[in-house]
Amino acid sequence: MNQTTHPTPRTRGAATPVLAGAKKGASNARTPVETADSLHSMAVARIIDLASEGEIRGLVAGKQSIYLDQVPIENPDGTLNFSGVDVQTRSGTQDQEHISG
């Protein structure tokens, strides 16, 4: 059985360590600190949903009928859970306008 050995790298005749490390002692452990949430983001999506053949009556409760991640856009008291949401509906008539955008 042949085994191939890899020579240790040498610099001017002295062996150079290939890998070195040490375990950090428990006496130097620090307590983790959680910083305040400062993440702000804005996402933009254009969604066309509920295609049908022929006329429909529309959303039963307006923006309360539309959910994003299981949260309604509008609460029953009229307050919004999401800002900047534009909803356009079409009932499926022959002479309806196209959806802008």
Protein backbone atom coordinates (compact mmCIF):
# COMPACT_ATOMS: atom_id res chain seq x y z
CA MET A 1 0.00 0.00 0.00
CA ASN A 2 1.47 3.33 -1.05
CA GLN A 3 0.92 6.45 1.02
CA THR A 4 1.70 9.89 -0.27
CA THR A 5 3.03 12.34 2.28
CA HIS A 6 3.07 16.08 1.80
CA PRO A 7 6.22 17.81 2.97
CA THR A 8 5.93 20.47 5.66
CA PRO A 9 6.60 23.94 4.18
CA ARG A 10 10.04 25.16 5.16
CA THR A 11 11.49 28.65 5.35
CA ARG A 12 15.29 28.77 5.54
CA GLY A 13 15.47 25.28 6.94
CA ALA A 14 12.98 25.79 9.81
CA ALA A 15 9.55 24.13 9.82
CA THR A 16 6.68 26.58 9.28
CA PRO A 17 3.44 25.60 11.04
CA VAL A 18 0.66 24.90 8.58
CA LEU A 19 -2.16 25.41 11.09
CA ALA A 20 -2.02 26.93 14.54
CA GLY A 21 -4.72 27.80 17.03
CA ALA A 22 -5.60 27.92 20.66
CA LYS A 23 -8.74 27.56 22.75
CA LYS A 24 -9.94 30.79 24.27
CA GLY A 25 -10.20 30.55 28.03
CA ALA A 26 -13.49 30.98 29.88
CA SER A 27 -12.00 33.81 31.94
CA ASN A 28 -11.99 36.07 28.87
CA ALA A 29 -15.63 35.41 27.91
CA ARG A 30 -17.74 38.51 27.33
CA THR A 31 -21.46 38.94 27.78
CA PRO A 32 -23.27 39.40 24.46
CA VAL A 33 -25.15 42.66 23.96
CA GLU A 34 -28.26 42.95 21.79
CA THR A 35 -28.59 46.26 19.95
CA ALA A 36 -31.86 47.98 19.20
CA ASP A 37 -33.65 47.10 15.96
CA SER A 38 -32.71 49.80 13.45
CA LEU A 39 -33.64 48.01 10.23
CA HIS A 40 -35.88 49.97 7.89
CA SER A 41 -36.82 48.71 4.46
CA MET A 42 -39.32 49.37 1.70
CA ALA A 43 -40.46 46.82 -0.83
CA VAL A 44 -42.42 47.47 -3.99
CA ALA A 45 -44.61 44.85 -5.65
CA ARG A 46 -47.15 44.93 -8.43
CA ILE A 47 -49.61 42.09 -8.16
CA ILE A 48 -52.50 41.21 -10.43
CA ASP A 49 -54.71 38.60 -8.83
CA LEU A 50 -58.17 37.08 -9.14
CA ALA A 51 -58.54 36.72 -12.87
CA SER A 52 -62.02 35.58 -13.89
CA GLU A 53 -64.23 34.91 -16.88
CA GLY A 54 -67.11 37.35 -16.99
CA GLU A 55 -68.29 39.89 -14.46
CA ILE A 56 -67.67 39.63 -10.73
CA ARG A 57 -69.12 41.65 -7.88
CA GLY A 58 -65.75 42.65 -6.45
CA LEU A 59 -64.22 42.58 -2.98
CA VAL A 60 -66.69 41.84 -0.18
CA ALA A 61 -65.11 44.26 2.30
CA GLY A 62 -62.72 46.35 0.19
CA LYS A 63 -59.14 46.44 1.51
CA GLN A 64 -60.23 44.34 4.50
CA SER A 65 -60.59 41.45 2.03
CA ILE A 66 -56.93 41.62 0.92
CA TYR A 67 -54.30 39.95 3.10
CA LEU A 68 -50.50 40.26 2.92
CA ASP A 69 -48.74 37.57 4.97
CA GLN A 70 -52.04 36.75 6.75
CA VAL A 71 -52.58 40.41 7.80
CA PRO A 72 -55.43 42.45 6.27
CA ILE A 73 -54.43 45.70 4.54
CA GLU A 74 -57.22 47.50 6.41
CA ASN A 75 -58.68 46.79 9.85
CA PRO A 76 -62.46 46.78 10.48
CA ASP A 77 -62.14 50.22 12.14
CA GLY A 78 -60.62 51.66 8.94
CA THR A 79 -57.01 51.93 10.15
CA LEU A 80 -54.35 50.62 7.79
CA ASN A 81 -51.82 47.91 8.63
CA PHE A 82 -49.71 48.84 5.57
CA SER A 83 -49.04 52.31 4.20
CA GLY A 84 -48.66 53.18 0.52
CA VAL A 85 -50.92 50.39 -0.77
CA ASP A 86 -52.95 51.23 -3.88
CA VAL A 87 -55.77 48.86 -4.79
CA GLN A 88 -57.49 48.95 -8.17
CA THR A 89 -60.36 46.62 -8.98
CA ARG A 90 -62.11 45.72 -12.19
CA SER A 91 -65.41 43.87 -12.39
CA GLY A 92 -64.78 42.17 -15.75
CA THR A 93 -67.03 44.16 -18.07
CA GLN A 94 -66.36 44.56 -21.80
CA ASP A 95 -65.80 48.33 -21.56
CA GLN A 96 -63.66 48.51 -18.40
CA GLU A 97 -60.45 50.58 -18.30
CA HIS A 98 -57.09 48.87 -18.20
CA ILE A 99 -55.12 48.67 -14.95
CA SER A 100 -52.61 51.51 -14.88
CA GLY A 101 -48.91 50.94 -14.32
